[in-house]
Amino acid sequence: MTDRRLLLVHAHPDDESIGTGATMAKYVAEGAHVTLVTCTLGEEGEIIPADLAHLAADRDDALGQYRVGELAAACQALGVEDHRFLGGPGRWRDSGMMGVASNDHPRAFWGADLDEAAGELVKIIREVRPQVLVTYDANGFYGHPDHIQAHRVSRRAFELAAKPGFGEGEPWQIAKFYHTAVARSVLRRGADALREADVEFQVENVDDMPFGSPDEDITTEIDARPWIGNKVEALRAHATQVTVRPPWYALSNNIGQEVLGVEHYTLAIGVPGAPVPGPPVDAGGLGEPHNRENDLFAGIH
């Protein structure tokens, strides 16, 4: 077994590629064992291509089944060979945005019993024995109920996996627990560049976006620009959800965002590694040159 083992928990297919795709591809290429856990099939996603719109009307969750194939293709693009659906494919369902009727579906992930869902993740943690776990912050990065629940489940599993007597398998203590993040400075620079680009995507006021972190709150910057091509290919695999016009992409709202080869994180639990000066700001989407960790495994012996 490789010495470095990274576990990422995401809510829906496509989340892994948008926020952490370059990081995943980098660590796979460097020989780390990367495990991706997806909590739902993304049954409530908004479909972009008109020729696939019929999937949304299917009562048997055809969209979710279609997105299973999209996710498999994205994982292949990123080099990720160890992918799991939490509790098995379809155990929990996409809850949709906050306050909609699908929040109350009997299998909605938003309504999942916390210890039951965390118990399924504990099984994976004790099997894989990762040193690092990555998921969203307590607001689910931007407030989606499934993202919030992914945080809660991951945080609970982080605690339970280390407790003797809970479930099966040997207890395992994860060393570092990270939240995904995007620097506000990077969002502003991307928005400025998009205004000058000749693409059809819209530009949103960065201050109105429901996500984005102050630069001083970000602890970790992963420079994975050599693998940005893998990330672009993975985003293209999620064709029902993402339109890609490198270096830009957009979801169904048609608001353009930059495909980032540098991805940011905030260390929530664990001892940070030594900060190092960041590379200079350039046109490749690099974050501001603060002194930050540049490795999720920094400081782990």
C-alpha atoms as a PDB file:
ATOM      1  CA  MET A   1       0.000   0.000   0.000  1.00  0.00           C
ATOM      2  CA  THR A   2       1.283   3.466  -0.904  1.00  0.00           C
ATOM      3  CA  ASP A   3       2.423   5.639   1.979  1.00  0.00           C
ATOM      4  CA  ARG A   4       0.143   8.567   1.035  1.00  0.00           C
ATOM      5  CA  ARG A   5      -3.613   8.015   1.034  1.00  0.00           C
ATOM      6  CA  LEU A   6      -6.115  10.767   0.277  1.00  0.00           C
ATOM      7  CA  LEU A   7      -9.904  10.504   0.742  1.00  0.00           C
ATOM      8  CA  LEU A   8     -12.300  13.040  -0.782  1.00  0.00           C
ATOM      9  CA  VAL A   9     -16.025  13.184  -0.014  1.00  0.00           C
ATOM     10  CA  HIS A  10     -18.245  14.970  -2.540  1.00  0.00           C
ATOM     11  CA  ALA A  11     -22.009  15.357  -2.754  1.00  0.00           C
ATOM     12  CA  HIS A  12     -22.750  14.791  -6.453  1.00  0.00           C
ATOM     13  CA  PRO A  13     -21.032  13.740  -9.674  1.00  0.00           C
ATOM     14  CA  ASP A  14     -19.151  16.774 -11.113  1.00  0.00           C
ATOM     15  CA  ASP A  15     -18.324  18.298  -7.697  1.00  0.00           C
ATOM     16  CA  GLU A  16     -15.087  16.330  -7.600  1.00  0.00           C
ATOM     17  CA  SER A  17     -13.895  17.721 -10.930  1.00  0.00           C
ATOM     18  CA  ILE A  18     -14.957  21.335 -10.380  1.00  0.00           C
ATOM     19  CA  GLY A  19     -13.334  21.865  -7.008  1.00  0.00           C
ATOM     20  CA  THR A  20     -10.625  19.250  -6.622  1.00  0.00           C
ATOM     21  CA  GLY A  21     -10.008  17.716 -10.054  1.00  0.00           C
ATOM     22  CA  ALA A  22      -6.495  19.068 -10.569  1.00  0.00           C
ATOM     23  CA  THR A  23      -5.474  18.113  -7.024  1.00  0.00           C
ATOM     24  CA  MET A  24      -6.732  14.559  -7.500  1.00  0.00           C
ATOM     25  CA  ALA A  25      -4.920  14.153 -10.816  1.00  0.00           C
ATOM     26  CA  LYS A  26      -1.686  15.506  -9.310  1.00  0.00           C
ATOM     27  CA  TYR A  27      -1.670  13.136  -6.357  1.00  0.00           C
ATOM     28  CA  VAL A  28      -2.581  10.139  -8.495  1.00  0.00           C
ATOM     29  CA  ALA A  29       0.286  10.966 -10.855  1.00  0.00           C
ATOM     30  CA  GLU A  30       2.636  11.263  -7.901  1.00  0.00           C
ATOM     31  CA  GLY A  31       1.726   7.794  -6.658  1.00  0.00           C
ATOM     32  CA  ALA A  32      -0.714   8.550  -3.851  1.00  0.00           C
ATOM     33  CA  HIS A  33      -3.787   6.375  -3.353  1.00  0.00           C
ATOM     34  CA  VAL A  34      -6.769   8.631  -4.048  1.00  0.00           C
ATOM     35  CA  THR A  35     -10.230   7.493  -2.973  1.00  0.00           C
ATOM     36  CA  LEU A  36     -13.321   9.414  -4.071  1.00  0.00           C
ATOM     37  CA  VAL A  37     -16.632   8.965  -2.243  1.00  0.00           C
ATOM     38  CA  THR A  38     -19.751  10.412  -3.892  1.00  0.00           C
ATOM     39  CA  CYS A  39     -22.850  10.702  -1.705  1.00  0.00           C
ATOM     40  CA  THR A  40     -25.606  10.747  -4.363  1.00  0.00           C
ATOM     41  CA  LEU A  41     -26.109  10.128  -8.073  1.00  0.00           C
ATOM     42  CA  GLY A  42     -27.055  13.756  -8.759  1.00  0.00           C
ATOM     43  CA  GLU A  43     -30.630  12.948  -9.715  1.00  0.00           C
ATOM     44  CA  GLU A  44     -31.796  16.571  -9.362  1.00  0.00           C
ATOM     45  CA  GLY A  45     -29.159  18.157 -11.588  1.00  0.00           C
ATOM     46  CA  GLU A  46     -30.221  20.735 -14.175  1.00  0.00           C
ATOM     47  CA  ILE A  47     -29.540  19.380 -17.671  1.00  0.00           C
ATOM     48  CA  ILE A  48     -27.790  21.638 -20.185  1.00  0.00           C
ATOM     49  CA  PRO A  49     -27.895  19.732 -23.539  1.00  0.00           C
ATOM     50  CA  ALA A  50     -31.355  19.866 -25.107  1.00  0.00           C
ATOM     51  CA  ASP A  51     -31.018  16.364 -26.537  1.00  0.00           C
ATOM     52  CA  LEU A  52     -30.715  14.957 -22.998  1.00  0.00           C
ATOM     53  CA  ALA A  53     -33.531  16.976 -21.423  1.00  0.00           C
ATOM     54  CA  HIS A  54     -35.798  13.928 -21.414  1.00  0.00           C
ATOM     55  CA  LEU A  55     -33.683  12.392 -18.641  1.00  0.00           C
ATOM     56  CA  ALA A  56     -35.048  14.893 -16.110  1.00  0.00           C
ATOM     57  CA  ALA A  57     -38.645  13.812 -16.687  1.00  0.00           C
ATOM     58  CA  ASP A  58     -37.956  10.108 -16.131  1.00  0.00           C
ATOM     59  CA  ARG A  59     -39.559   8.898 -12.915  1.00  0.00           C
ATOM     60  CA  ASP A  60     -36.954   6.170 -12.478  1.00  0.00           C
ATOM     61  CA  ASP A  61     -34.141   8.672 -11.934  1.00  0.00           C
ATOM     62  CA  ALA A  62     -32.641   8.114 -15.380  1.00  0.00           C
ATOM     63  CA  LEU A  63     -30.535  11.246 -14.962  1.00  0.00           C
ATOM     64  CA  GLY A  64     -28.810   9.759 -11.932  1.00  0.00           C
ATOM     65  CA  GLN A  65     -28.021   6.583 -13.787  1.00  0.00           C
ATOM     66  CA  TYR A  66     -26.677   8.578 -16.730  1.00  0.00           C
ATOM     67  CA  ARG A  67     -24.472  10.612 -14.427  1.00  0.00           C
ATOM     68  CA  VAL A  68     -22.933   7.422 -13.050  1.00  0.00           C
ATOM     69  CA  GLY A  69     -21.385   6.981 -16.494  1.00  0.00           C
ATOM     70  CA  GLU A  70     -20.282  10.620 -16.618  1.00  0.00           C
ATOM     71  CA  LEU A  71     -18.562  10.228 -13.258  1.00  0.00           C
ATOM     72  CA  ALA A  72     -16.784   7.071 -14.366  1.00  0.00           C
ATOM     73  CA  ALA A  73     -15.421   8.926 -17.399  1.00  0.00           C
ATOM     74  CA  ALA A  74     -14.320  11.847 -15.228  1.00  0.00           C
ATOM     75  CA  CYS A  75     -12.503   9.526 -12.831  1.00  0.00           C
ATOM     76  CA  GLN A  76     -10.725   7.941 -15.770  1.00  0.00           C
ATOM     77  CA  ALA A  77      -9.616  11.384 -16.962  1.00  0.00           C
ATOM     78  CA  LEU A  78      -8.238  12.162 -13.494  1.00  0.00           C
ATOM     79  CA  GLY A  79      -6.634   8.748 -13.079  1.00  0.00           C
ATOM     80  CA  VAL A  80      -8.774   7.903 -10.052  1.00  0.00           C
ATOM     81  CA  GLU A  81      -9.346   4.156  -9.842  1.00  0.00           C
ATOM     82  CA  ASP A  82     -10.885   3.943  -6.358  1.00  0.00           C
ATOM     83  CA  HIS A  83     -14.378   5.446  -6.458  1.00  0.00           C
ATOM     84  CA  ARG A  84     -17.268   4.555  -4.144  1.00  0.00           C
ATOM     85  CA  PHE A  85     -20.865   5.700  -3.754  1.00  0.00           C
ATOM     86  CA  LEU A  86     -21.643   6.182  -0.083  1.00  0.00           C
ATOM     87  CA  GLY A  87     -23.665   3.157   1.017  1.00  0.00           C
ATOM     88  CA  GLY A  88     -23.718   1.907  -2.590  1.00  0.00           C
ATOM     89  CA  PRO A  89     -25.161   3.522  -5.761  1.00  0.00           C
ATOM     90  CA  GLY A  90     -28.525   5.149  -5.055  1.00  0.00           C
ATOM     91  CA  ARG A  91     -28.535   4.546  -1.290  1.00  0.00           C
ATOM     92  CA  TRP A  92     -29.110   8.265  -0.822  1.00  0.00           C
ATOM     93  CA  ARG A  93     -30.673  10.597  -3.350  1.00  0.00           C
ATOM     94  CA  ASP A  94     -29.834  14.104  -4.518  1.00  0.00           C
ATOM     95  CA  SER A  95     -31.900  16.457  -2.332  1.00  0.00           C
ATOM     96  CA  GLY A  96     -31.998  19.359  -4.776  1.00  0.00           C
ATOM     97  CA  MET A  97     -31.487  22.968  -3.733  1.00  0.00           C
ATOM     98  CA  MET A  98     -32.505  24.182  -0.288  1.00  0.00           C
ATOM     99  CA  GLY A  99     -36.247  24.473   0.273  1.00  0.00           C
ATOM    100  CA  VAL A 100     -37.498  22.487  -2.737  1.00  0.00           C
ATOM    101  CA  ALA A 101     -39.860  19.513  -2.598  1.00  0.00           C
ATOM    102  CA  SER A 102     -37.119  16.954  -3.293  1.00  0.00           C
ATOM    103  CA  ASN A 103     -35.612  17.802   0.121  1.00  0.00           C
ATOM    104  CA  ASP A 104     -38.412  15.650   1.544  1.00  0.00           C
ATOM    105  CA  HIS A 105     -37.874  12.597  -0.651  1.00  0.00           C
ATOM    106  CA  PRO A 106     -37.591   9.515   1.603  1.00  0.00           C
ATOM    107  CA  ARG A 107     -34.061   8.830   0.321  1.00  0.00           C
ATOM    108  CA  ALA A 108     -32.899  12.467   0.223  1.00  0.00           C
ATOM    109  CA  PHE A 109     -29.346  12.725   1.520  1.00  0.00           C
ATOM    110  CA  TRP A 110     -30.316  15.895   3.389  1.00  0.00           C
ATOM    111  CA  GLY A 111     -32.580  13.744   5.592  1.00  0.00           C
ATOM    112  CA  ALA A 112     -30.140  10.861   6.069  1.00  0.00           C
ATOM    113  CA  ASP A 113     -29.557   9.657   9.608  1.00  0.00           C
ATOM    114  CA  LEU A 114     -26.195  11.147  10.507  1.00  0.00           C
ATOM    115  CA  ASP A 115     -24.720   8.148  12.280  1.00  0.00           C
ATOM    116  CA  GLU A 116     -26.014   5.743   9.639  1.00  0.00           C
ATOM    117  CA  ALA A 117     -24.406   7.694   6.804  1.00  0.00           C
ATOM    118  CA  ALA A 118     -21.252   8.316   8.832  1.00  0.00           C
ATOM    119  CA  GLY A 119     -21.082   4.606   9.604  1.00  0.00           C
ATOM    120  CA  GLU A 120     -20.899   3.851   5.892  1.00  0.00           C
ATOM    121  CA  LEU A 121     -18.038   6.310   5.543  1.00  0.00           C
ATOM    122  CA  VAL A 122     -16.282   4.838   8.577  1.00  0.00           C
ATOM    123  CA  LYS A 123     -16.183   1.485   6.778  1.00  0.00           C
ATOM    124  CA  ILE A 124     -14.313   3.109   3.896  1.00  0.00           C
ATOM    125  CA  ILE A 125     -11.986   5.049   6.192  1.00  0.00           C
ATOM    126  CA  ARG A 126     -10.987   1.915   8.100  1.00  0.00           C
ATOM    127  CA  GLU A 127     -10.413   0.024   4.870  1.00  0.00           C
ATOM    128  CA  VAL A 128      -8.436   2.739   3.061  1.00  0.00           C
ATOM    129  CA  ARG A 129      -6.769   4.257   6.167  1.00  0.00           C
ATOM    130  CA  PRO A 130      -6.218   7.731   4.692  1.00  0.00           C
ATOM    131  CA  GLN A 131      -4.040  10.321   6.363  1.00  0.00           C
ATOM    132  CA  VAL A 132      -6.016  13.159   4.752  1.00  0.00           C
ATOM    133  CA  LEU A 133      -9.755  13.761   4.301  1.00  0.00           C
ATOM    134  CA  VAL A 134     -11.164  16.533   2.097  1.00  0.00           C
ATOM    135  CA  THR A 135     -14.765  17.753   1.985  1.00  0.00           C
ATOM    136  CA  TYR A 136     -16.723  21.029   2.246  1.00  0.00           C
ATOM    137  CA  ASP A 137     -16.992  23.481   5.135  1.00  0.00           C
ATOM    138  CA  ALA A 138     -20.011  23.663   7.463  1.00  0.00           C
ATOM    139  CA  ASN A 139     -21.915  25.747   4.883  1.00  0.00           C
ATOM    140  CA  GLY A 140     -21.316  23.125   2.221  1.00  0.00           C
ATOM    141  CA  PHE A 141     -19.117  25.579   0.285  1.00  0.00           C
ATOM    142  CA  TYR A 142     -22.188  27.401  -1.090  1.00  0.00           C
ATOM    143  CA  GLY A 143     -25.182  26.280   0.953  1.00  0.00           C
ATOM    144  CA  HIS A 144     -26.479  23.246  -0.950  1.00  0.00           C
ATOM    145  CA  PRO A 145     -28.135  20.859   1.534  1.00  0.00           C
ATOM    146  CA  ASP A 146     -26.241  17.812   0.240  1.00  0.00           C
ATOM    147  CA  HIS A 147     -22.936  19.647   0.549  1.00  0.00           C
ATOM    148  CA  ILE A 148     -23.798  20.649   4.113  1.00  0.00           C
ATOM    149  CA  GLN A 149     -24.732  17.049   4.867  1.00  0.00           C
ATOM    150  CA  ALA A 150     -21.499  15.795   3.289  1.00  0.00           C
ATOM    151  CA  HIS A 151     -19.624  18.012   5.726  1.00  0.00           C
ATOM    152  CA  ARG A 152     -21.636  16.738   8.690  1.00  0.00           C
ATOM    153  CA  VAL A 153     -21.244  13.110   7.690  1.00  0.00           C
ATOM    154  CA  SER A 154     -17.518  13.497   7.054  1.00  0.00           C
ATOM    155  CA  ARG A 155     -16.946  15.297  10.344  1.00  0.00           C
ATOM    156  CA  ARG A 156     -18.868  12.612  12.257  1.00  0.00           C
ATOM    157  CA  ALA A 157     -17.057   9.794  10.452  1.00  0.00           C
ATOM    158  CA  PHE A 158     -13.735  11.479  11.228  1.00  0.00           C
ATOM    159  CA  GLU A 159     -14.599  11.151  14.934  1.00  0.00           C
ATOM    160  CA  LEU A 160     -16.192   7.694  14.845  1.00  0.00           C
ATOM    161  CA  ALA A 161     -13.473   6.040  12.756  1.00  0.00           C
ATOM    162  CA  ALA A 162     -10.997   6.596  15.589  1.00  0.00           C
ATOM    163  CA  LYS A 163     -13.262   5.180  18.310  1.00  0.00           C
ATOM    164  CA  PRO A 164     -12.687   1.594  19.474  1.00  0.00           C
ATOM    165  CA  GLY A 165     -15.919  -0.332  19.710  1.00  0.00           C
ATOM    166  CA  PHE A 166     -17.747   1.534  16.944  1.00  0.00           C
ATOM    167  CA  GLY A 167     -18.554  -0.703  13.989  1.00  0.00           C
ATOM    168  CA  GLU A 168     -16.212  -3.183  12.442  1.00  0.00           C
ATOM    169  CA  GLY A 169     -12.544  -2.928  11.586  1.00  0.00           C
ATOM    170  CA  GLU A 170      -9.593  -1.427  13.356  1.00  0.00           C
ATOM    171  CA  PRO A 171      -9.925   2.195  14.513  1.00  0.00           C
ATOM    172  CA  TRP A 172      -8.126   4.742  12.358  1.00  0.00           C
ATOM    173  CA  GLN A 173      -7.240   8.342  13.159  1.00  0.00           C
ATOM    174  CA  ILE A 174      -7.071  10.655  10.155  1.00  0.00           C
ATOM    175  CA  ALA A 175      -4.281  13.189  10.586  1.00  0.00           C
ATOM    176  CA  LYS A 176      -5.667  16.151   8.604  1.00  0.00           C
ATOM    177  CA  PHE A 177      -9.208  17.276   7.738  1.00  0.00           C
ATOM    178  CA  TYR A 178      -9.552  19.902   5.004  1.00  0.00           C
ATOM    179  CA  HIS A 179     -12.342  22.066   3.623  1.00  0.00           C
ATOM    180  CA  THR A 180     -12.399  23.021  -0.051  1.00  0.00           C
ATOM    181  CA  ALA A 181     -12.086  26.741  -0.747  1.00  0.00           C
ATOM    182  CA  VAL A 182     -11.649  29.344  -3.476  1.00  0.00           C
ATOM    183  CA  ALA A 183      -9.809  32.592  -2.837  1.00  0.00           C
ATOM    184  CA  ARG A 184     -11.816  35.756  -3.439  1.00  0.00           C
ATOM    185  CA  SER A 185      -8.806  37.295  -5.149  1.00  0.00           C
ATOM    186  CA  VAL A 186      -8.776  34.436  -7.666  1.00  0.00           C
ATOM    187  CA  LEU A 187     -12.503  34.831  -8.327  1.00  0.00           C
ATOM    188  CA  ARG A 188     -12.052  38.564  -8.946  1.00  0.00           C
ATOM    189  CA  ARG A 189      -9.111  38.030 -11.285  1.00  0.00           C
ATOM    190  CA  GLY A 190     -11.076  35.398 -13.203  1.00  0.00           C
ATOM    191  CA  ALA A 191     -14.125  37.652 -13.483  1.00  0.00           C
ATOM    192  CA  ASP A 192     -11.972  40.501 -14.816  1.00  0.00           C
ATOM    193  CA  ALA A 193     -10.390  38.213 -17.409  1.00  0.00           C
ATOM    194  CA  LEU A 194     -13.777  36.813 -18.443  1.00  0.00           C
ATOM    195  CA  ARG A 195     -15.122  40.308 -19.123  1.00  0.00           C
ATOM    196  CA  GLU A 196     -12.368  40.719 -21.687  1.00  0.00           C
ATOM    197  CA  ALA A 197     -12.834  37.255 -23.217  1.00  0.00           C
ATOM    198  CA  ASP A 198     -14.940  36.617 -26.301  1.00  0.00           C
ATOM    199  CA  VAL A 199     -17.139  33.866 -24.861  1.00  0.00           C
ATOM    200  CA  GLU A 200     -20.869  33.522 -24.372  1.00  0.00           C
ATOM    201  CA  PHE A 201     -20.708  33.055 -20.609  1.00  0.00           C
ATOM    202  CA  GLN A 202     -22.090  35.691 -18.267  1.00  0.00           C
ATOM    203  CA  VAL A 203     -20.024  37.422 -15.596  1.00  0.00           C
ATOM    204  CA  GLU A 204     -21.368  37.663 -12.050  1.00  0.00           C
ATOM    205  CA  ASN A 205     -20.331  40.183  -9.440  1.00  0.00           C
ATOM    206  CA  VAL A 206     -17.882  38.286  -7.247  1.00  0.00           C
ATOM    207  CA  ASP A 207     -19.263  39.936  -4.119  1.00  0.00           C
ATOM    208  CA  ASP A 208     -22.680  38.408  -4.889  1.00  0.00           C
ATOM    209  CA  MET A 209     -21.358  34.860  -5.251  1.00  0.00           C
ATOM    210  CA  PRO A 210     -22.407  32.462  -2.454  1.00  0.00           C
ATOM    211  CA  PHE A 211     -18.843  31.180  -2.100  1.00  0.00           C
ATOM    212  CA  GLY A 212     -15.310  32.465  -1.903  1.00  0.00           C
ATOM    213  CA  SER A 213     -12.934  32.861   1.036  1.00  0.00           C
ATOM    214  CA  PRO A 214     -10.750  35.763   2.141  1.00  0.00           C
ATOM    215  CA  ASP A 215      -7.154  35.063   1.200  1.00  0.00           C
ATOM    216  CA  GLU A 216      -6.049  35.161   4.807  1.00  0.00           C
ATOM    217  CA  ASP A 217      -8.393  32.280   5.706  1.00  0.00           C
ATOM    218  CA  ILE A 218      -6.868  29.864   3.191  1.00  0.00           C
ATOM    219  CA  THR A 219      -4.122  27.671   4.599  1.00  0.00           C
ATOM    220  CA  THR A 220      -3.182  25.503   1.647  1.00  0.00           C
ATOM    221  CA  GLU A 221      -2.521  26.040  -2.044  1.00  0.00           C
ATOM    222  CA  ILE A 222      -2.024  23.073  -4.371  1.00  0.00           C
ATOM    223  CA  ASP A 223      -0.304  24.044  -7.606  1.00  0.00           C
ATOM    224  CA  ALA A 224      -1.518  21.350 -10.009  1.00  0.00           C
ATOM    225  CA  ARG A 225      -1.316  23.318 -13.264  1.00  0.00           C
ATOM    226  CA  PRO A 226       0.515  20.510 -15.094  1.00  0.00           C
ATOM    227  CA  TRP A 227      -2.691  18.467 -14.684  1.00  0.00           C
ATOM    228  CA  ILE A 228      -5.177  21.117 -15.750  1.00  0.00           C
ATOM    229  CA  GLY A 229      -5.733  19.208 -18.996  1.00  0.00           C
ATOM    230  CA  ASN A 230      -6.955  16.247 -16.968  1.00  0.00           C
ATOM    231  CA  LYS A 231      -9.351  18.537 -15.142  1.00  0.00           C
ATOM    232  CA  VAL A 232     -10.704  19.976 -18.400  1.00  0.00           C
ATOM    233  CA  GLU A 233     -11.275  16.453 -19.741  1.00  0.00           C
ATOM    234  CA  ALA A 234     -13.050  15.479 -16.508  1.00  0.00           C
ATOM    235  CA  LEU A 235     -15.296  18.532 -16.674  1.00  0.00           C
ATOM    236  CA  ARG A 236     -16.181  17.699 -20.274  1.00  0.00           C
ATOM    237  CA  ALA A 237     -17.196  14.228 -19.135  1.00  0.00           C
ATOM    238  CA  HIS A 238     -19.972  15.842 -17.058  1.00  0.00           C
ATOM    239  CA  ALA A 239     -21.722  17.098 -20.177  1.00  0.00           C
ATOM    240  CA  THR A 240     -25.210  17.158 -18.652  1.00  0.00           C
ATOM    241  CA  GLN A 241     -24.044  19.685 -16.051  1.00  0.00           C
ATOM    242  CA  VAL A 242     -21.060  21.588 -17.404  1.00  0.00           C
ATOM    243  CA  THR A 243     -20.259  23.571 -20.543  1.00  0.00           C
ATOM    244  CA  VAL A 244     -16.506  23.872 -21.095  1.00  0.00           C
ATOM    245  CA  ARG A 245     -14.776  26.564 -23.140  1.00  0.00           C
ATOM    246  CA  PRO A 246     -11.175  26.466 -21.864  1.00  0.00           C
ATOM    247  CA  PRO A 247     -10.047  28.250 -19.826  1.00  0.00           C
ATOM    248  CA  TRP A 248     -13.665  28.749 -18.785  1.00  0.00           C
ATOM    249  CA  TYR A 249     -16.605  26.602 -17.802  1.00  0.00           C
ATOM    250  CA  ALA A 250     -20.197  27.243 -16.776  1.00  0.00           C
ATOM    251  CA  LEU A 251     -23.006  25.350 -15.110  1.00  0.00           C
ATOM    252  CA  SER A 252     -26.662  25.627 -16.131  1.00  0.00           C
ATOM    253  CA  ASN A 253     -26.768  29.267 -14.947  1.00  0.00           C
ATOM    254  CA  ASN A 254     -24.336  30.134 -17.774  1.00  0.00           C
ATOM    255  CA  ILE A 255     -22.146  32.137 -15.387  1.00  0.00           C
ATOM    256  CA  GLY A 256     -18.552  31.659 -16.445  1.00  0.00           C
ATOM    257  CA  GLN A 257     -15.804  30.602 -14.071  1.00  0.00           C
ATOM    258  CA  GLU A 258     -12.143  29.861 -14.632  1.00  0.00           C
ATOM    259  CA  VAL A 259     -10.913  26.278 -14.794  1.00  0.00           C
ATOM    260  CA  LEU A 260      -8.336  26.515 -12.019  1.00  0.00           C
ATOM    261  CA  GLY A 261      -5.148  24.510 -12.008  1.00  0.00           C
ATOM    262  CA  VAL A 262      -4.333  25.851  -8.542  1.00  0.00           C
ATOM    263  CA  GLU A 263      -6.842  24.687  -5.933  1.00  0.00           C
ATOM    264  CA  HIS A 264      -7.242  26.034  -2.423  1.00  0.00           C
ATOM    265  CA  TYR A 265      -8.088  24.434   0.902  1.00  0.00           C
ATOM    266  CA  THR A 266      -8.509  25.372   4.543  1.00  0.00           C
ATOM    267  CA  LEU A 267      -7.092  23.054   7.190  1.00  0.00           C
ATOM    268  CA  ALA A 268      -9.884  22.489   9.735  1.00  0.00           C
ATOM    269  CA  ILE A 269      -8.290  19.782  11.918  1.00  0.00           C
ATOM    270  CA  GLY A 270      -4.663  18.768  12.175  1.00  0.00           C
ATOM    271  CA  VAL A 271      -1.219  20.266  12.393  1.00  0.00           C
ATOM    272  CA  PRO A 272      -0.279  22.411   9.390  1.00  0.00           C
ATOM    273  CA  GLY A 273       2.929  21.866   7.526  1.00  0.00           C
ATOM    274  CA  ALA A 274       5.474  24.609   7.158  1.00  0.00           C
ATOM    275  CA  PRO A 275       4.221  27.454   4.957  1.00  0.00           C
ATOM    276  CA  VAL A 276       6.220  28.218   1.857  1.00  0.00           C
ATOM    277  CA  PRO A 277       6.131  31.253  -0.444  1.00  0.00           C
ATOM    278  CA  GLY A 278       3.674  30.842  -3.271  1.00  0.00           C
ATOM    279  CA  PRO A 279       4.702  31.226  -6.910  1.00  0.00           C
ATOM    280  CA  PRO A 280       4.142  34.682  -8.405  1.00  0.00           C
ATOM    281  CA  VAL A 281       0.712  35.609  -9.690  1.00  0.00           C
ATOM    282  CA  ASP A 282       0.301  34.928 -13.391  1.00  0.00           C
ATOM    283  CA  ALA A 283      -2.364  34.406 -16.026  1.00  0.00           C
ATOM    284  CA  GLY A 284      -2.690  30.717 -15.152  1.00  0.00           C
ATOM    285  CA  GLY A 285      -5.134  31.245 -12.326  1.00  0.00           C
ATOM    286  CA  LEU A 286      -2.624  31.081  -9.512  1.00  0.00           C
ATOM    287  CA  GLY A 287      -3.706  32.314  -6.095  1.00  0.00           C
ATOM    288  CA  GLU A 288      -2.147  35.336  -4.434  1.00  0.00           C
ATOM    289  CA  PRO A 289       1.419  34.610  -3.283  1.00  0.00           C
ATOM    290  CA  HIS A 290       0.762  34.209   0.423  1.00  0.00           C
ATOM    291  CA  ASN A 291       2.867  31.837   2.496  1.00  0.00           C
ATOM    292  CA  ARG A 292       0.835  28.627   2.639  1.00  0.00           C
ATOM    293  CA  GLU A 293       1.178  24.880   2.764  1.00  0.00           C
ATOM    294  CA  ASN A 294       1.731  23.494  -0.707  1.00  0.00           C
ATOM    295  CA  ASP A 295       1.033  19.829   0.090  1.00  0.00           C
ATOM    296  CA  LEU A 296      -2.010  18.229   1.763  1.00  0.00           C
ATOM    297  CA  PHE A 297       0.333  15.712   3.381  1.00  0.00           C
ATOM    298  CA  ALA A 298       2.754  18.334   4.729  1.00  0.00           C
ATOM    299  CA  GLY A 299       3.799  17.668   8.296  1.00  0.00           C
ATOM    300  CA  ILE A 300       2.532  14.068   8.372  1.00  0.00           C
ATOM    301  CA  HIS A 301       5.176  11.525   9.344  1.00  0.00           C
END
